[in-house]
């Protein structure tokens, strides 16, 4: 008989897989941009998209992925310590979106309009966090505008990735809700086949 995983084990595996996807995708997008489009002022990042999905699936746990996204971006860019502080700590401001998500309710947010706006809020909070961190580290107010303008393509990218995730069963859904829904469906199918 096969041993069933506990909810905690399932969460740990899921968070690890999403972290791996985040790091690989972030690393590849930065390397591709630096190789193929080195002079372009725009960047594309999966940070907000993946972090939004993790917030929807697991709530507060997504703040680790926000931090990890900043780390992966800086490592791939060959950044200095100051950039690590700006991106890692700045990205974590996105955790302020979670109380709003919980207040609205994940299922209601997921199926309603807020589920479409939520990832954009996460990205905006990440950009604002980076800008605030840069200002604390004595950057000029004019230079922090770049955190919004250079990341504008990421807004479209984030929206598309989360929209696709929302169309896939269980991907952009609270995982406790998803597992309970699957269990109820299996019981209904077993009951109907008898």
C-alpha atoms as a PDB file:
ATOM      1  CA  UNK A   1       0.000   0.000   0.000  1.00  0.00           C
ATOM      2  CA  UNK A   2       1.331   3.388  -1.018  1.00  0.00           C
ATOM      3  CA  UNK A   3       1.919   5.911   1.771  1.00  0.00           C
ATOM      4  CA  UNK A   4      -0.075   9.121   1.379  1.00  0.00           C
ATOM      5  CA  UNK A   5       1.714  12.412   1.728  1.00  0.00           C
ATOM      6  CA  UNK A   6       0.699  14.762   4.491  1.00  0.00           C
ATOM      7  CA  UNK A   7      -0.558  18.230   3.658  1.00  0.00           C
ATOM      8  CA  UNK A   8       2.687  19.677   5.018  1.00  0.00           C
ATOM      9  CA  UNK A   9       4.763  17.400   2.758  1.00  0.00           C
ATOM     10  CA  UNK A  10       2.597  18.311  -0.230  1.00  0.00           C
ATOM     11  CA  UNK A  11       3.059  22.027   0.524  1.00  0.00           C
ATOM     12  CA  UNK A  12       6.829  21.634   0.907  1.00  0.00           C
ATOM     13  CA  UNK A  13       7.141  19.786  -2.413  1.00  0.00           C
ATOM     14  CA  UNK A  14       4.901  22.291  -4.191  1.00  0.00           C
ATOM     15  CA  UNK A  15       6.774  25.310  -2.822  1.00  0.00           C
ATOM     16  CA  UNK A  16      10.095  23.734  -3.806  1.00  0.00           C
ATOM     17  CA  UNK A  17       8.934  23.029  -7.363  1.00  0.00           C
ATOM     18  CA  UNK A  18       7.598  26.570  -7.741  1.00  0.00           C
ATOM     19  CA  UNK A  19      10.867  27.972  -6.352  1.00  0.00           C
ATOM     20  CA  UNK A  20      12.839  25.908  -8.872  1.00  0.00           C
ATOM     21  CA  UNK A  21      10.622  27.111 -11.742  1.00  0.00           C
ATOM     22  CA  UNK A  22      10.997  30.697 -10.543  1.00  0.00           C
ATOM     23  CA  UNK A  23      14.797  30.582 -10.298  1.00  0.00           C
ATOM     24  CA  UNK A  24      15.293  28.847 -13.652  1.00  0.00           C
ATOM     25  CA  UNK A  25      12.876  31.136 -15.517  1.00  0.00           C
ATOM     26  CA  UNK A  26      14.211  34.305 -13.896  1.00  0.00           C
ATOM     27  CA  UNK A  27      17.791  33.275 -14.630  1.00  0.00           C
ATOM     28  CA  UNK A  28      16.978  32.423 -18.259  1.00  0.00           C
ATOM     29  CA  UNK A  29      15.058  35.643 -18.933  1.00  0.00           C
ATOM     30  CA  UNK A  30      17.884  37.782 -17.537  1.00  0.00           C
ATOM     31  CA  UNK A  31      20.565  35.879 -19.452  1.00  0.00           C
ATOM     32  CA  UNK A  32      18.506  35.991 -22.671  1.00  0.00           C
ATOM     33  CA  UNK A  33      17.892  39.720 -22.306  1.00  0.00           C
ATOM     34  CA  UNK A  34      21.583  40.404 -21.642  1.00  0.00           C
ATOM     35  CA  UNK A  35      22.660  38.237 -24.583  1.00  0.00           C
ATOM     36  CA  UNK A  36      20.093  39.115 -27.247  1.00  0.00           C
ATOM     37  CA  UNK A  37      18.960  42.596 -26.205  1.00  0.00           C
ATOM     38  CA  UNK A  38      21.830  44.115 -24.196  1.00  0.00           C
ATOM     39  CA  UNK A  39      21.019  47.730 -25.037  1.00  0.00           C
ATOM     40  CA  UNK A  40      17.308  47.586 -24.298  1.00  0.00           C
ATOM     41  CA  UNK A  41      16.083  49.532 -21.263  1.00  0.00           C
ATOM     42  CA  UNK A  42      13.234  47.053 -20.650  1.00  0.00           C
ATOM     43  CA  UNK A  43      13.275  43.868 -18.632  1.00  0.00           C
ATOM     44  CA  UNK A  44      10.942  40.898 -18.413  1.00  0.00           C
ATOM     45  CA  UNK A  45      10.593  39.095 -15.136  1.00  0.00           C
ATOM     46  CA  UNK A  46       8.546  36.131 -13.923  1.00  0.00           C
ATOM     47  CA  UNK A  47       8.908  37.271 -10.313  1.00  0.00           C
ATOM     48  CA  UNK A  48       5.448  38.793  -9.912  1.00  0.00           C
ATOM     49  CA  UNK A  49       3.711  36.063 -11.905  1.00  0.00           C
ATOM     50  CA  UNK A  50       5.133  33.151  -9.931  1.00  0.00           C
ATOM     51  CA  UNK A  51       4.896  34.990  -6.610  1.00  0.00           C
ATOM     52  CA  UNK A  52       1.228  35.801  -7.296  1.00  0.00           C
ATOM     53  CA  UNK A  53       0.530  32.142  -7.998  1.00  0.00           C
ATOM     54  CA  UNK A  54       2.274  31.132  -4.765  1.00  0.00           C
ATOM     55  CA  UNK A  55       0.323  33.751  -2.784  1.00  0.00           C
ATOM     56  CA  UNK A  56      -2.910  32.348  -4.226  1.00  0.00           C
ATOM     57  CA  UNK A  57      -1.894  28.741  -3.552  1.00  0.00           C
ATOM     58  CA  UNK A  58      -0.231  29.148  -0.146  1.00  0.00           C
ATOM     59  CA  UNK A  59      -0.723  32.682   1.170  1.00  0.00           C
ATOM     60  CA  UNK A  60       2.142  34.191   3.147  1.00  0.00           C
ATOM     61  CA  UNK A  61       4.615  31.541   1.968  1.00  0.00           C
ATOM     62  CA  UNK A  62       4.991  33.520  -1.265  1.00  0.00           C
ATOM     63  CA  UNK A  63       7.177  36.120   0.465  1.00  0.00           C
ATOM     64  CA  UNK A  64      10.041  33.590   0.297  1.00  0.00           C
ATOM     65  CA  UNK A  65       9.540  33.341  -3.454  1.00  0.00           C
ATOM     66  CA  UNK A  66       9.523  37.141  -3.757  1.00  0.00           C
ATOM     67  CA  UNK A  67      12.881  37.237  -1.961  1.00  0.00           C
ATOM     68  CA  UNK A  68      14.191  34.341  -4.055  1.00  0.00           C
ATOM     69  CA  UNK A  69      13.163  36.109  -7.275  1.00  0.00           C
ATOM     70  CA  UNK A  70      15.261  39.104  -6.292  1.00  0.00           C
ATOM     71  CA  UNK A  71      18.207  36.840  -5.515  1.00  0.00           C
ATOM     72  CA  UNK A  72      17.943  35.005  -8.854  1.00  0.00           C
ATOM     73  CA  UNK A  73      17.646  38.282 -10.772  1.00  0.00           C
ATOM     74  CA  UNK A  74      20.722  39.735  -9.082  1.00  0.00           C
ATOM     75  CA  UNK A  75      22.790  36.565  -9.474  1.00  0.00           C
ATOM     76  CA  UNK A  76      21.953  36.323 -13.182  1.00  0.00           C
ATOM     77  CA  UNK A  77      22.761  40.018 -13.628  1.00  0.00           C
ATOM     78  CA  UNK A  78      26.066  39.828 -11.748  1.00  0.00           C
ATOM     79  CA  UNK A  79      24.788  42.536  -9.412  1.00  0.00           C
ATOM     80  CA  UNK A  80      26.531  44.191  -6.481  1.00  0.00           C
ATOM     81  CA  UNK A  81      25.389  43.895  -2.843  1.00  0.00           C
ATOM     82  CA  UNK A  82      23.325  47.076  -3.027  1.00  0.00           C
ATOM     83  CA  UNK A  83      21.205  45.603  -5.842  1.00  0.00           C
ATOM     84  CA  UNK A  84      20.603  42.448  -3.791  1.00  0.00           C
ATOM     85  CA  UNK A  85      19.249  44.610  -0.976  1.00  0.00           C
ATOM     86  CA  UNK A  86      17.051  46.592  -3.365  1.00  0.00           C
ATOM     87  CA  UNK A  87      15.587  43.615  -5.225  1.00  0.00           C
ATOM     88  CA  UNK A  88      15.331  41.031  -2.446  1.00  0.00           C
ATOM     89  CA  UNK A  89      13.928  43.311   0.235  1.00  0.00           C
ATOM     90  CA  UNK A  90      11.968  45.416  -2.262  1.00  0.00           C
ATOM     91  CA  UNK A  91      10.201  42.386  -3.737  1.00  0.00           C
ATOM     92  CA  UNK A  92       9.032  41.391  -0.279  1.00  0.00           C
ATOM     93  CA  UNK A  93       6.806  44.480  -0.063  1.00  0.00           C
ATOM     94  CA  UNK A  94       4.459  42.458  -2.296  1.00  0.00           C
ATOM     95  CA  UNK A  95       3.416  40.536   0.819  1.00  0.00           C
ATOM     96  CA  UNK A  96       1.148  43.518   1.580  1.00  0.00           C
ATOM     97  CA  UNK A  97      -1.195  42.163  -1.118  1.00  0.00           C
ATOM     98  CA  UNK A  98      -1.859  38.989   0.904  1.00  0.00           C
ATOM     99  CA  UNK A  99      -4.082  40.530   3.632  1.00  0.00           C
ATOM    100  CA  UNK A 100      -6.281  41.987   0.898  1.00  0.00           C
ATOM    101  CA  UNK A 101      -6.409  38.610  -0.841  1.00  0.00           C
ATOM    102  CA  UNK A 102      -7.380  36.910   2.419  1.00  0.00           C
ATOM    103  CA  UNK A 103      -9.963  39.557   3.257  1.00  0.00           C
ATOM    104  CA  UNK A 104     -11.688  39.160  -0.108  1.00  0.00           C
ATOM    105  CA  UNK A 105     -11.295  35.398   0.080  1.00  0.00           C
ATOM    106  CA  UNK A 106      -9.060  33.417  -2.225  1.00  0.00           C
ATOM    107  CA  UNK A 107     -11.861  31.601  -4.017  1.00  0.00           C
ATOM    108  CA  UNK A 108     -13.904  34.751  -4.569  1.00  0.00           C
ATOM    109  CA  UNK A 109     -10.756  36.589  -5.676  1.00  0.00           C
ATOM    110  CA  UNK A 110      -9.714  33.776  -7.986  1.00  0.00           C
ATOM    111  CA  UNK A 111     -13.032  33.586  -9.797  1.00  0.00           C
ATOM    112  CA  UNK A 112     -13.764  37.330  -9.783  1.00  0.00           C
ATOM    113  CA  UNK A 113     -12.156  40.416 -11.213  1.00  0.00           C
ATOM    114  CA  UNK A 114      -9.749  40.807  -8.278  1.00  0.00           C
ATOM    115  CA  UNK A 115      -7.969  37.607  -9.333  1.00  0.00           C
ATOM    116  CA  UNK A 116      -7.015  39.327 -12.582  1.00  0.00           C
ATOM    117  CA  UNK A 117      -5.897  42.538 -10.840  1.00  0.00           C
ATOM    118  CA  UNK A 118      -4.112  40.807  -7.942  1.00  0.00           C
ATOM    119  CA  UNK A 119      -0.913  39.918  -9.882  1.00  0.00           C
ATOM    120  CA  UNK A 120      -0.654  43.493 -11.127  1.00  0.00           C
ATOM    121  CA  UNK A 121      -0.932  44.688  -7.521  1.00  0.00           C
ATOM    122  CA  UNK A 122       1.841  42.252  -6.575  1.00  0.00           C
ATOM    123  CA  UNK A 123       4.065  43.645  -9.342  1.00  0.00           C
ATOM    124  CA  UNK A 124       3.301  47.247  -8.408  1.00  0.00           C
ATOM    125  CA  UNK A 125       4.170  46.516  -4.765  1.00  0.00           C
ATOM    126  CA  UNK A 126       7.430  44.847  -5.849  1.00  0.00           C
ATOM    127  CA  UNK A 127       8.351  47.876  -7.951  1.00  0.00           C
ATOM    128  CA  UNK A 128       7.439  50.236  -5.116  1.00  0.00           C
ATOM    129  CA  UNK A 129       9.450  48.152  -2.656  1.00  0.00           C
ATOM    130  CA  UNK A 130      12.490  48.333  -4.907  1.00  0.00           C
ATOM    131  CA  UNK A 131      12.068  52.073  -5.329  1.00  0.00           C
ATOM    132  CA  UNK A 132      11.753  52.618  -1.566  1.00  0.00           C
ATOM    133  CA  UNK A 133      14.763  50.383  -0.851  1.00  0.00           C
ATOM    134  CA  UNK A 134      16.798  52.305  -3.436  1.00  0.00           C
ATOM    135  CA  UNK A 135      15.798  55.630  -1.861  1.00  0.00           C
ATOM    136  CA  UNK A 136      16.834  54.364   1.579  1.00  0.00           C
ATOM    137  CA  UNK A 137      20.178  53.423   0.042  1.00  0.00           C
ATOM    138  CA  UNK A 138      20.560  57.036  -1.185  1.00  0.00           C
ATOM    139  CA  UNK A 139      19.491  56.663  -4.826  1.00  0.00           C
ATOM    140  CA  UNK A 140      18.190  59.804  -6.480  1.00  0.00           C
ATOM    141  CA  UNK A 141      14.401  60.183  -6.788  1.00  0.00           C
ATOM    142  CA  UNK A 142      14.775  60.432 -10.584  1.00  0.00           C
ATOM    143  CA  UNK A 143      16.589  57.099 -10.809  1.00  0.00           C
ATOM    144  CA  UNK A 144      13.884  55.140  -8.970  1.00  0.00           C
ATOM    145  CA  UNK A 145      11.398  55.876 -11.764  1.00  0.00           C
ATOM    146  CA  UNK A 146      13.305  53.231 -13.710  1.00  0.00           C
ATOM    147  CA  UNK A 147      11.952  50.524 -11.414  1.00  0.00           C
ATOM    148  CA  UNK A 148       8.515  51.204 -12.931  1.00  0.00           C
ATOM    149  CA  UNK A 149       9.379  52.051 -16.537  1.00  0.00           C
ATOM    150  CA  UNK A 150      11.946  49.331 -17.288  1.00  0.00           C
ATOM    151  CA  UNK A 151       9.623  46.684 -15.838  1.00  0.00           C
ATOM    152  CA  UNK A 152       6.535  47.734 -17.832  1.00  0.00           C
ATOM    153  CA  UNK A 153       6.682  44.694 -20.143  1.00  0.00           C
ATOM    154  CA  UNK A 154       6.644  42.492 -17.042  1.00  0.00           C
ATOM    155  CA  UNK A 155       3.169  43.837 -16.277  1.00  0.00           C
ATOM    156  CA  UNK A 156       1.770  42.395 -19.504  1.00  0.00           C
ATOM    157  CA  UNK A 157       3.799  39.220 -19.057  1.00  0.00           C
ATOM    158  CA  UNK A 158       2.555  38.803 -15.468  1.00  0.00           C
ATOM    159  CA  UNK A 159      -1.060  39.279 -16.511  1.00  0.00           C
ATOM    160  CA  UNK A 160      -0.768  36.696 -19.313  1.00  0.00           C
ATOM    161  CA  UNK A 161       1.022  34.074 -17.179  1.00  0.00           C
ATOM    162  CA  UNK A 162      -1.506  34.346 -14.348  1.00  0.00           C
ATOM    163  CA  UNK A 163      -4.424  34.385 -16.796  1.00  0.00           C
ATOM    164  CA  UNK A 164      -3.153  31.115 -18.306  1.00  0.00           C
ATOM    165  CA  UNK A 165      -2.562  29.661 -14.822  1.00  0.00           C
ATOM    166  CA  UNK A 166      -6.132  30.571 -13.889  1.00  0.00           C
ATOM    167  CA  UNK A 167      -7.449  28.540 -16.810  1.00  0.00           C
ATOM    168  CA  UNK A 168      -5.551  25.419 -15.717  1.00  0.00           C
ATOM    169  CA  UNK A 169      -7.312  23.308 -13.107  1.00  0.00           C
ATOM    170  CA  UNK A 170      -5.897  23.908  -9.637  1.00  0.00           C
ATOM    171  CA  UNK A 171      -2.877  26.000 -10.630  1.00  0.00           C
ATOM    172  CA  UNK A 172      -4.158  29.438  -9.556  1.00  0.00           C
ATOM    173  CA  UNK A 173      -6.194  28.152  -6.612  1.00  0.00           C
ATOM    174  CA  UNK A 174      -5.793  27.813  -2.874  1.00  0.00           C
ATOM    175  CA  UNK A 175      -4.366  24.328  -2.511  1.00  0.00           C
ATOM    176  CA  UNK A 176      -6.407  23.349   0.526  1.00  0.00           C
ATOM    177  CA  UNK A 177      -9.552  24.245  -1.456  1.00  0.00           C
ATOM    178  CA  UNK A 178      -8.225  22.405  -4.512  1.00  0.00           C
ATOM    179  CA  UNK A 179      -7.445  19.197  -2.617  1.00  0.00           C
ATOM    180  CA  UNK A 180     -10.828  19.225  -0.873  1.00  0.00           C
ATOM    181  CA  UNK A 181     -12.532  19.788  -4.226  1.00  0.00           C
ATOM    182  CA  UNK A 182     -10.623  16.862  -5.766  1.00  0.00           C
ATOM    183  CA  UNK A 183     -11.470  14.620  -2.822  1.00  0.00           C
ATOM    184  CA  UNK A 184     -15.174  15.485  -3.063  1.00  0.00           C
ATOM    185  CA  UNK A 185     -15.109  14.808  -6.806  1.00  0.00           C
ATOM    186  CA  UNK A 186     -13.454  11.391  -6.289  1.00  0.00           C
ATOM    187  CA  UNK A 187     -16.026  10.441  -3.635  1.00  0.00           C
ATOM    188  CA  UNK A 188     -18.873  11.497  -5.911  1.00  0.00           C
ATOM    189  CA  UNK A 189     -17.445   9.438  -8.790  1.00  0.00           C
ATOM    190  CA  UNK A 190     -17.006   6.368  -6.546  1.00  0.00           C
ATOM    191  CA  UNK A 191     -20.540   6.769  -5.216  1.00  0.00           C
ATOM    192  CA  UNK A 192     -21.965   7.084  -8.724  1.00  0.00           C
ATOM    193  CA  UNK A 193     -20.144   3.998 -10.020  1.00  0.00           C
ATOM    194  CA  UNK A 194     -21.582   1.671  -7.351  1.00  0.00           C
END
